Amino acid sequence: MNVIVIDDEAAVRNTIIKLLADNFPEINVVASAATIEEGFLRITEKKPDLLFLDIELPDGLGFDLLRRFDRVDFRIIFITGHQEYALAAIKVSALDYILKPIDLTELSNAVEKARDVINLEEEQIKLSALSENLKEKRNLKRIILRTGDSLQLVQINDII
């Protein structure tokens, strides 16, 4: 699972990265950022599966970062010191909302939830492709290809 950590406090970013590295070997922290602008660039270039996102950043709110994307195709866990944003986090379909200081049990529960959701999404992609291919027994339309840590549903006609 590829992860990006966005928090304006370097100590918090480093703590999250260390907790993830020490406790979750399946997680690969591919980048970190301190601002919305930097976060947008890292997300665009690294295409993470999961984002640990602080809400209050120097150049705006974490929600402002999410609005910059036409389609949010990664999962979000908010890590913040501000309880008052919990409802807004729910509205953007965040997987979890962890208050600072970070508790390892809460972090573990959030990571487990992310793992379950991502695995379920992969299974749904596989079932969708199987269903479509069974309808067209002689003429396959799409296949599943694993790229890095994710699955891609590819049209047969798009393969050269």
N, C-alpha and C. Protein backbone atom coordinates (compact mmCIF):
# COMPACT_ATOMS: atom_id res chain seq x y z
N MET A 1 0.86 -1.17 0.00
CA MET A 1 0.00 0.00 0.00
C MET A 1 0.91 1.24 0.00
N ASN A 2 0.81 2.06 -1.03
CA ASN A 2 1.59 3.29 -1.12
C ASN A 2 0.89 4.43 -0.39
N VAL A 3 1.66 5.14 0.44
CA VAL A 3 1.10 6.13 1.35
C VAL A 3 1.85 7.46 1.21
N ILE A 4 1.10 8.56 1.35
CA ILE A 4 1.70 9.89 1.47
C ILE A 4 1.20 10.50 2.78
N VAL A 5 2.11 11.16 3.50
CA VAL A 5 1.79 11.82 4.76
C VAL A 5 1.90 13.32 4.55
N ILE A 6 0.80 14.05 4.82
CA ILE A 6 0.81 15.51 4.68
C ILE A 6 0.44 16.14 6.01
N ASP A 7 1.42 16.83 6.60
CA ASP A 7 1.23 17.54 7.87
C ASP A 7 2.25 18.65 7.91
N ASP A 8 1.86 19.82 8.42
CA ASP A 8 2.78 20.95 8.44
C ASP A 8 3.84 20.85 9.53
N GLU A 9 3.65 19.97 10.50
CA GLU A 9 4.62 19.80 11.57
C GLU A 9 5.56 18.63 11.24
N ALA A 10 6.83 18.96 11.06
CA ALA A 10 7.82 17.93 10.70
C ALA A 10 7.87 16.81 11.74
N ALA A 11 7.75 17.14 13.01
CA ALA A 11 7.81 16.12 14.07
C ALA A 11 6.64 15.15 13.94
N VAL A 12 5.46 15.65 13.60
CA VAL A 12 4.29 14.79 13.43
C VAL A 12 4.47 13.90 12.20
N ARG A 13 4.90 14.51 11.09
CA ARG A 13 5.16 13.71 9.87
C ARG A 13 6.13 12.58 10.17
N ASN A 14 7.23 12.91 10.84
CA ASN A 14 8.26 11.90 11.14
C ASN A 14 7.73 10.82 12.08
N THR A 15 6.90 11.20 13.03
CA THR A 15 6.31 10.23 13.95
C THR A 15 5.39 9.26 13.19
N ILE A 16 4.54 9.80 12.33
CA ILE A 16 3.64 8.95 11.54
C ILE A 16 4.44 8.00 10.67
N ILE A 17 5.45 8.53 9.98
CA ILE A 17 6.27 7.71 9.09
C ILE A 17 6.97 6.61 9.89
N LYS A 18 7.50 6.93 11.06
CA LYS A 18 8.19 5.93 11.88
C LYS A 18 7.21 4.88 12.40
N LEU A 19 6.04 5.31 12.89
CA LEU A 19 5.04 4.34 13.37
C LEU A 19 4.62 3.40 12.25
N LEU A 20 4.43 3.94 11.05
CA LEU A 20 4.04 3.10 9.92
C LEU A 20 5.15 2.11 9.56
N ALA A 21 6.39 2.61 9.50
CA ALA A 21 7.52 1.74 9.14
C ALA A 21 7.75 0.65 10.18
N ASP A 22 7.60 0.99 11.46
CA ASP A 22 7.86 0.02 12.53
C ASP A 22 6.76 -1.01 12.71
N ASN A 23 5.53 -0.67 12.32
CA ASN A 23 4.39 -1.54 12.65
C ASN A 23 3.63 -2.11 11.47
N PHE A 24 3.87 -1.59 10.27
CA PHE A 24 3.10 -2.02 9.11
C PHE A 24 4.02 -2.24 7.91
N PRO A 25 4.61 -3.43 7.80
CA PRO A 25 5.58 -3.68 6.72
C PRO A 25 4.96 -3.60 5.32
N GLU A 26 3.66 -3.74 5.22
CA GLU A 26 3.01 -3.68 3.90
C GLU A 26 2.82 -2.24 3.41
N ILE A 27 3.13 -1.27 4.27
CA ILE A 27 2.96 0.13 3.90
C ILE A 27 4.29 0.71 3.43
N ASN A 28 4.22 1.38 2.30
CA ASN A 28 5.37 2.03 1.70
C ASN A 28 5.10 3.53 1.65
N VAL A 29 5.75 4.31 2.51
CA VAL A 29 5.57 5.76 2.48
C VAL A 29 6.38 6.29 1.31
N VAL A 30 5.68 6.73 0.26
CA VAL A 30 6.34 7.15 -0.97
C VAL A 30 6.67 8.64 -0.99
N ALA A 31 6.05 9.43 -0.09
CA ALA A 31 6.33 10.87 -0.05
C ALA A 31 5.70 11.47 1.20
N SER A 32 6.14 12.69 1.49
CA SER A 32 5.52 13.47 2.56
C SER A 32 5.52 14.93 2.10
N ALA A 33 4.68 15.72 2.75
CA ALA A 33 4.56 17.13 2.37
C ALA A 33 4.10 17.94 3.57
N ALA A 34 4.33 19.27 3.48
CA ALA A 34 3.97 20.16 4.59
C ALA A 34 2.88 21.16 4.21
N THR A 35 2.56 21.27 2.92
CA THR A 35 1.58 22.25 2.46
C THR A 35 0.62 21.63 1.45
N ILE A 36 -0.45 22.34 1.16
CA ILE A 36 -1.40 21.88 0.16
C ILE A 36 -0.73 21.80 -1.21
N GLU A 37 0.01 22.83 -1.56
CA GLU A 37 0.66 22.86 -2.87
C GLU A 37 1.63 21.70 -3.04
N GLU A 38 2.48 21.49 -2.05
CA GLU A 38 3.44 20.40 -2.09
C GLU A 38 2.71 19.05 -2.09
N GLY A 39 1.66 18.95 -1.29
CA GLY A 39 0.87 17.72 -1.24
C GLY A 39 0.23 17.39 -2.58
N PHE A 40 -0.31 18.41 -3.24
CA PHE A 40 -0.93 18.21 -4.55
C PHE A 40 0.09 17.65 -5.54
N LEU A 41 1.29 18.21 -5.53
CA LEU A 41 2.34 17.74 -6.44
C LEU A 41 2.73 16.29 -6.14
N ARG A 42 2.89 15.97 -4.85
CA ARG A 42 3.29 14.60 -4.48
C ARG A 42 2.20 13.59 -4.84
N ILE A 43 0.95 13.94 -4.59
CA ILE A 43 -0.15 13.02 -4.92
C ILE A 43 -0.23 12.80 -6.42
N THR A 44 -0.09 13.87 -7.18
CA THR A 44 -0.16 13.78 -8.64
C THR A 44 0.94 12.91 -9.21
N GLU A 45 2.15 13.03 -8.66
CA GLU A 45 3.26 12.25 -9.21
C GLU A 45 3.35 10.84 -8.65
N LYS A 46 2.94 10.61 -7.41
CA LYS A 46 3.11 9.30 -6.77
C LYS A 46 1.87 8.41 -6.80
N LYS A 47 0.69 8.98 -7.00
CA LYS A 47 -0.56 8.22 -7.08
C LYS A 47 -0.73 7.24 -5.90
N PRO A 48 -0.87 7.75 -4.68
CA PRO A 48 -0.94 6.87 -3.51
C PRO A 48 -2.27 6.12 -3.40
N ASP A 49 -2.24 5.05 -2.63
CA ASP A 49 -3.46 4.33 -2.29
C ASP A 49 -4.13 4.98 -1.09
N LEU A 50 -3.30 5.57 -0.21
CA LEU A 50 -3.78 6.09 1.06
C LEU A 50 -3.06 7.38 1.39
N LEU A 51 -3.80 8.33 1.95
CA LEU A 51 -3.26 9.62 2.33
C LEU A 51 -3.54 9.88 3.81
N PHE A 52 -2.49 10.16 4.57
CA PHE A 52 -2.65 10.64 5.94
C PHE A 52 -2.57 12.15 5.84
N LEU A 53 -3.65 12.83 6.21
CA LEU A 53 -3.78 14.25 5.92
C LEU A 53 -4.16 15.05 7.15
N ASP A 54 -3.34 16.07 7.46
CA ASP A 54 -3.68 17.03 8.50
C ASP A 54 -4.75 17.95 7.94
N ILE A 55 -5.58 18.52 8.80
CA ILE A 55 -6.65 19.39 8.31
C ILE A 55 -6.20 20.82 8.17
N GLU A 56 -5.53 21.36 9.18
CA GLU A 56 -5.09 22.75 9.11
C GLU A 56 -3.63 22.81 8.67
N LEU A 57 -3.44 23.34 7.46
CA LEU A 57 -2.11 23.48 6.88
C LEU A 57 -1.83 24.97 6.67
N PRO A 58 -0.59 25.37 6.47
CA PRO A 58 -0.27 26.79 6.37
C PRO A 58 -0.98 27.51 5.22
N ASP A 59 -1.26 26.81 4.13
CA ASP A 59 -1.88 27.45 2.97
C ASP A 59 -3.35 27.06 2.78
N GLY A 60 -4.00 26.59 3.83
CA GLY A 60 -5.43 26.27 3.76
C GLY A 60 -5.76 25.01 4.53
N LEU A 61 -6.95 24.48 4.25
CA LEU A 61 -7.41 23.26 4.90
C LEU A 61 -7.15 22.05 4.00
N GLY A 62 -6.99 20.89 4.63
CA GLY A 62 -6.82 19.65 3.87
C GLY A 62 -7.96 19.43 2.89
N PHE A 63 -9.16 19.91 3.24
CA PHE A 63 -10.31 19.79 2.34
C PHE A 63 -10.07 20.57 1.04
N ASP A 64 -9.35 21.69 1.14
CA ASP A 64 -9.01 22.48 -0.06
C ASP A 64 -8.14 21.66 -1.00
N LEU A 65 -7.23 20.88 -0.43
CA LEU A 65 -6.38 20.00 -1.25
C LEU A 65 -7.24 19.00 -2.00
N LEU A 66 -8.19 18.38 -1.32
CA LEU A 66 -9.03 17.37 -1.96
C LEU A 66 -9.88 17.96 -3.07
N ARG A 67 -10.31 19.21 -2.91
CA ARG A 67 -11.13 19.87 -3.95
C ARG A 67 -10.36 20.12 -5.24
N ARG A 68 -9.06 20.08 -5.18
CA ARG A 68 -8.24 20.32 -6.38
C ARG A 68 -8.27 19.14 -7.35
N PHE A 69 -8.75 18.01 -6.90
CA PHE A 69 -8.79 16.82 -7.74
C PHE A 69 -10.17 16.64 -8.35
N ASP A 70 -10.22 16.35 -9.65
CA ASP A 70 -11.50 16.04 -10.30
C ASP A 70 -12.07 14.77 -9.72
N ARG A 71 -11.19 13.82 -9.45
CA ARG A 71 -11.60 12.53 -8.91
C ARG A 71 -10.59 12.10 -7.85
N VAL A 72 -11.06 11.84 -6.66
CA VAL A 72 -10.18 11.38 -5.58
C VAL A 72 -10.17 9.86 -5.64
N ASP A 73 -9.06 9.29 -6.12
CA ASP A 73 -8.98 7.84 -6.27
C ASP A 73 -8.01 7.22 -5.26
N PHE A 74 -7.89 7.87 -4.11
CA PHE A 74 -7.11 7.36 -2.99
C PHE A 74 -7.97 7.49 -1.74
N ARG A 75 -7.61 6.75 -0.72
CA ARG A 75 -8.34 6.79 0.54
C ARG A 75 -7.67 7.79 1.48
N ILE A 76 -8.46 8.34 2.41
CA ILE A 76 -7.96 9.41 3.28
C ILE A 76 -8.19 9.06 4.74
N ILE A 77 -7.14 9.24 5.54
CA ILE A 77 -7.24 9.20 6.98
C ILE A 77 -6.77 10.56 7.48
N PHE A 78 -7.66 11.28 8.14
CA PHE A 78 -7.29 12.58 8.69
C PHE A 78 -6.60 12.38 10.02
N ILE A 79 -5.50 13.12 10.22
CA ILE A 79 -4.81 13.14 11.50
C ILE A 79 -4.71 14.61 11.89
N THR A 80 -5.38 14.97 12.97
CA THR A 80 -5.48 16.38 13.32
C THR A 80 -5.64 16.59 14.82
N GLY A 81 -5.40 17.79 15.24
CA GLY A 81 -5.63 18.16 16.63
C GLY A 81 -6.96 18.85 16.82
N HIS A 82 -7.80 18.86 15.77
CA HIS A 82 -9.05 19.62 15.78
C HIS A 82 -10.26 18.72 15.62
N GLN A 83 -11.01 18.53 16.70
CA GLN A 83 -12.21 17.70 16.68
C GLN A 83 -13.32 18.29 15.83
N GLU A 84 -13.36 19.60 15.72
CA GLU A 84 -14.50 20.26 15.09
C GLU A 84 -14.65 19.96 13.60
N TYR A 85 -13.67 19.32 12.99
CA TYR A 85 -13.75 19.00 11.57
C TYR A 85 -14.25 17.58 11.30
N ALA A 86 -14.62 16.85 12.33
CA ALA A 86 -15.01 15.44 12.17
C ALA A 86 -16.17 15.28 11.19
N LEU A 87 -17.20 16.11 11.30
CA LEU A 87 -18.35 15.99 10.40
C LEU A 87 -17.94 16.24 8.96
N ALA A 88 -17.11 17.26 8.73
CA ALA A 88 -16.65 17.54 7.37
C ALA A 88 -15.83 16.37 6.82
N ALA A 89 -15.06 15.71 7.67
CA ALA A 89 -14.28 14.55 7.24
C ALA A 89 -15.19 13.41 6.81
N ILE A 90 -16.26 13.22 7.54
CA ILE A 90 -17.24 12.18 7.17
C ILE A 90 -17.86 12.49 5.82
N LYS A 91 -18.14 13.76 5.58
CA LYS A 91 -18.78 14.16 4.33
C LYS A 91 -17.91 13.92 3.11
N VAL A 92 -16.58 13.91 3.29
CA VAL A 92 -15.70 13.63 2.15
C VAL A 92 -15.28 12.16 2.14
N SER A 93 -16.01 11.34 2.86
CA SER A 93 -15.80 9.88 2.88
C SER A 93 -14.42 9.47 3.38
N ALA A 94 -13.93 10.17 4.38
CA ALA A 94 -12.66 9.78 4.99
C ALA A 94 -12.82 8.41 5.64
N LEU A 95 -11.77 7.61 5.57
CA LEU A 95 -11.80 6.29 6.21
C LEU A 95 -11.78 6.42 7.72
N ASP A 96 -11.02 7.40 8.21
CA ASP A 96 -10.91 7.55 9.65
C ASP A 96 -10.45 8.96 9.99
N TYR A 97 -10.53 9.26 11.28
CA TYR A 97 -10.23 10.58 11.80
C TYR A 97 -9.52 10.37 13.12
N ILE A 98 -8.20 10.59 13.13
CA ILE A 98 -7.39 10.32 14.32
C ILE A 98 -6.95 11.65 14.92
N LEU A 99 -7.19 11.79 16.23
CA LEU A 99 -6.77 13.00 16.92
C LEU A 99 -5.33 12.88 17.40
N LYS A 100 -4.61 14.01 17.33
CA LYS A 100 -3.26 14.07 17.87
C LYS A 100 -3.36 14.24 19.38
N PRO A 101 -2.43 13.73 20.15
CA PRO A 101 -1.29 12.92 19.76
C PRO A 101 -1.75 11.54 19.27
N ILE A 102 -0.97 10.98 18.38
CA ILE A 102 -1.36 9.74 17.71
C ILE A 102 -1.22 8.55 18.65
N ASP A 103 -2.30 7.80 18.76
CA ASP A 103 -2.33 6.58 19.55
C ASP A 103 -2.13 5.41 18.59
N LEU A 104 -1.18 4.52 18.90
CA LEU A 104 -0.85 3.40 18.02
C LEU A 104 -2.07 2.50 17.77
N THR A 105 -2.91 2.30 18.77
CA THR A 105 -4.10 1.46 18.60
C THR A 105 -5.05 2.09 17.59
N GLU A 106 -5.27 3.38 17.70
CA GLU A 106 -6.14 4.07 16.73
C GLU A 106 -5.54 4.01 15.33
N LEU A 107 -4.23 4.21 15.24
CA LEU A 107 -3.55 4.14 13.94
C LEU A 107 -3.68 2.74 13.35
N SER A 108 -3.49 1.72 14.18
CA SER A 108 -3.62 0.33 13.71
C SER A 108 -5.03 0.05 13.19
N ASN A 109 -6.04 0.52 13.91
CA ASN A 109 -7.43 0.32 13.47
C ASN A 109 -7.68 1.02 12.15
N ALA A 110 -7.15 2.22 11.99
CA ALA A 110 -7.34 2.97 10.75
C ALA A 110 -6.65 2.29 9.57
N VAL A 111 -5.42 1.79 9.80
CA VAL A 111 -4.68 1.10 8.73
C VAL A 111 -5.41 -0.19 8.35
N GLU A 112 -5.92 -0.92 9.33
CA GLU A 112 -6.67 -2.15 9.05
C GLU A 112 -7.91 -1.84 8.22
N LYS A 113 -8.61 -0.78 8.57
CA LYS A 113 -9.79 -0.37 7.81
C LYS A 113 -9.40 -0.03 6.36
N ALA A 114 -8.30 0.69 6.18
CA ALA A 114 -7.83 1.04 4.84
C ALA A 114 -7.48 -0.21 4.05
N ARG A 115 -6.78 -1.14 4.69
CA ARG A 115 -6.40 -2.39 4.03
C ARG A 115 -7.65 -3.15 3.56
N ASP A 116 -8.65 -3.24 4.42
CA ASP A 116 -9.89 -3.95 4.07
C ASP A 116 -10.61 -3.29 2.90
N VAL A 117 -10.69 -1.97 2.93
CA VAL A 117 -11.40 -1.24 1.86
C VAL A 117 -10.66 -1.39 0.53
N ILE A 118 -9.35 -1.24 0.54
CA ILE A 118 -8.57 -1.35 -0.69
C ILE A 118 -8.65 -2.77 -1.25
N ASN A 119 -8.56 -3.77 -0.39
CA ASN A 119 -8.69 -5.17 -0.84
C ASN A 119 -10.07 -5.43 -1.42
N LEU A 120 -11.11 -4.89 -0.79
CA LEU A 120 -12.47 -5.06 -1.29
C LEU A 120 -12.63 -4.42 -2.66
N GLU A 121 -12.05 -3.24 -2.84
CA GLU A 121 -12.12 -2.57 -4.14
C GLU A 121 -11.44 -3.39 -5.22
N GLU A 122 -10.28 -4.00 -4.90
CA GLU A 122 -9.58 -4.85 -5.86
C GLU A 122 -10.44 -6.06 -6.22
N GLU A 123 -11.09 -6.65 -5.23
CA GLU A 123 -11.96 -7.80 -5.49
C GLU A 123 -13.14 -7.40 -6.37
N GLN A 124 -13.69 -6.22 -6.15
CA GLN A 124 -14.81 -5.76 -6.98
C GLN A 124 -14.38 -5.56 -8.43
N ILE A 125 -13.15 -5.06 -8.64
CA ILE A 125 -12.63 -4.91 -10.00
C ILE A 125 -12.50 -6.27 -10.66
N LYS A 126 -11.97 -7.24 -9.92
CA LYS A 126 -11.81 -8.59 -10.47
C LYS A 126 -13.17 -9.21 -10.83
N LEU A 127 -14.14 -9.07 -9.93
CA LEU A 127 -15.47 -9.63 -10.19
C LEU A 127 -16.15 -8.95 -11.37
N SER A 128 -15.97 -7.66 -11.50
CA SER A 128 -16.55 -6.92 -12.61
C SER A 128 -15.98 -7.42 -13.94
N ALA A 129 -14.66 -7.61 -13.98
CA ALA A 129 -14.02 -8.10 -15.20
C ALA A 129 -14.47 -9.53 -15.51
N LEU A 130 -14.55 -10.37 -14.49
CA LEU A 130 -14.99 -11.74 -14.69
C LEU A 130 -16.41 -11.77 -15.23
N SER A 131 -17.29 -11.00 -14.64
CA SER A 131 -18.68 -10.95 -15.07
C SER A 131 -18.79 -10.50 -16.52
N GLU A 132 -18.05 -9.46 -16.87
CA GLU A 132 -18.09 -8.95 -18.24
C GLU A 132 -17.53 -9.97 -19.23
N ASN A 133 -16.45 -10.63 -18.85
CA ASN A 133 -15.84 -11.62 -19.73
C ASN A 133 -16.71 -12.86 -19.88
N LEU A 134 -17.45 -13.24 -18.84
CA LEU A 134 -18.34 -14.38 -18.96
C LEU A 134 -19.50 -14.10 -19.91
N LYS A 135 -19.94 -12.86 -19.95
CA LYS A 135 -21.02 -12.49 -20.87
C LYS A 135 -20.56 -12.61 -22.32
N GLU A 136 -19.30 -12.32 -22.55
CA GLU A 136 -18.73 -12.36 -23.89
C GLU A 136 -17.70 -13.48 -23.95
N LYS A 137 -18.15 -14.72 -23.88
CA LYS A 137 -17.24 -15.86 -23.77
C LYS A 137 -16.18 -15.90 -24.85
N ARG A 138 -16.56 -15.63 -26.06
CA ARG A 138 -15.62 -15.77 -27.18
C ARG A 138 -14.83 -14.49 -27.45
N ASN A 139 -15.30 -13.37 -26.94
CA ASN A 139 -14.68 -12.10 -27.28
C ASN A 139 -14.40 -11.31 -25.99
N LEU A 140 -13.25 -11.57 -25.38
CA LEU A 140 -12.90 -10.88 -24.14
C LEU A 140 -12.75 -9.39 -24.40
N LYS A 141 -13.30 -8.58 -23.50
CA LYS A 141 -13.23 -7.13 -23.68
C LYS A 141 -12.21 -6.47 -22.77
N ARG A 142 -12.09 -6.96 -21.53
CA ARG A 142 -11.16 -6.35 -20.57
C ARG A 142 -10.44 -7.43 -19.79
N ILE A 143 -9.22 -7.10 -19.38
CA ILE A 143 -8.46 -7.98 -18.52
C ILE A 143 -7.92 -7.16 -17.35
N ILE A 144 -7.50 -7.86 -16.31
CA ILE A 144 -6.93 -7.22 -15.14
C ILE A 144 -5.42 -7.37 -15.20
N LEU A 145 -4.72 -6.25 -15.01
CA LEU A 145 -3.27 -6.26 -14.95
C LEU A 145 -2.83 -5.68 -13.62
N ARG A 146 -1.90 -6.33 -12.97
CA ARG A 146 -1.36 -5.79 -11.72
C ARG A 146 -0.19 -4.88 -12.08
N THR A 147 -0.22 -3.64 -11.57
CA THR A 147 0.86 -2.69 -11.79
C THR A 147 1.32 -2.20 -10.43
N GLY A 148 2.53 -2.53 -10.05
CA GLY A 148 3.02 -2.14 -8.73
C GLY A 148 2.15 -2.78 -7.67
N ASP A 149 1.46 -1.93 -6.88
CA ASP A 149 0.62 -2.43 -5.80
C ASP A 149 -0.86 -2.29 -6.09
N SER A 150 -1.23 -2.06 -7.36
CA SER A 150 -2.64 -1.88 -7.66
C SER A 150 -3.06 -2.73 -8.85
N LEU A 151 -4.36 -2.79 -9.07
CA LEU A 151 -4.91 -3.51 -10.21
C LEU A 151 -5.48 -2.50 -11.20
N GLN A 152 -5.30 -2.80 -12.47
CA GLN A 152 -5.84 -1.94 -13.52
C GLN A 152 -6.76 -2.79 -14.40
N LEU A 153 -7.93 -2.28 -14.69
CA LEU A 153 -8.84 -2.93 -15.60
C LEU A 153 -8.58 -2.32 -16.97
N VAL A 154 -8.08 -3.12 -17.93
CA VAL A 154 -7.62 -2.61 -19.22
C VAL A 154 -8.47 -3.19 -20.35
N GLN A 155 -8.90 -2.31 -21.25
CA GLN A 155 -9.62 -2.74 -22.45
C GLN A 155 -8.66 -3.51 -23.34
N ILE A 156 -9.08 -4.66 -23.84
CA ILE A 156 -8.25 -5.47 -24.73
C ILE A 156 -7.84 -4.63 -25.95
N ASN A 157 -8.76 -3.83 -26.46
CA ASN A 157 -8.48 -3.01 -27.64
C ASN A 157 -7.40 -1.95 -27.40
N ASP A 158 -7.13 -1.63 -26.12
CA ASP A 158 -6.12 -0.63 -25.81
C ASP A 158 -4.70 -1.21 -25.70
N ILE A 159 -4.59 -2.53 -25.80
CA ILE A 159 -3.28 -3.19 -25.67
C ILE A 159 -2.65 -3.29 -27.05
N ILE A 160 -1.41 -2.86 -27.12
CA ILE A 160 -0.68 -2.90 -28.41
C ILE A 160 0.39 -3.97 -28.31
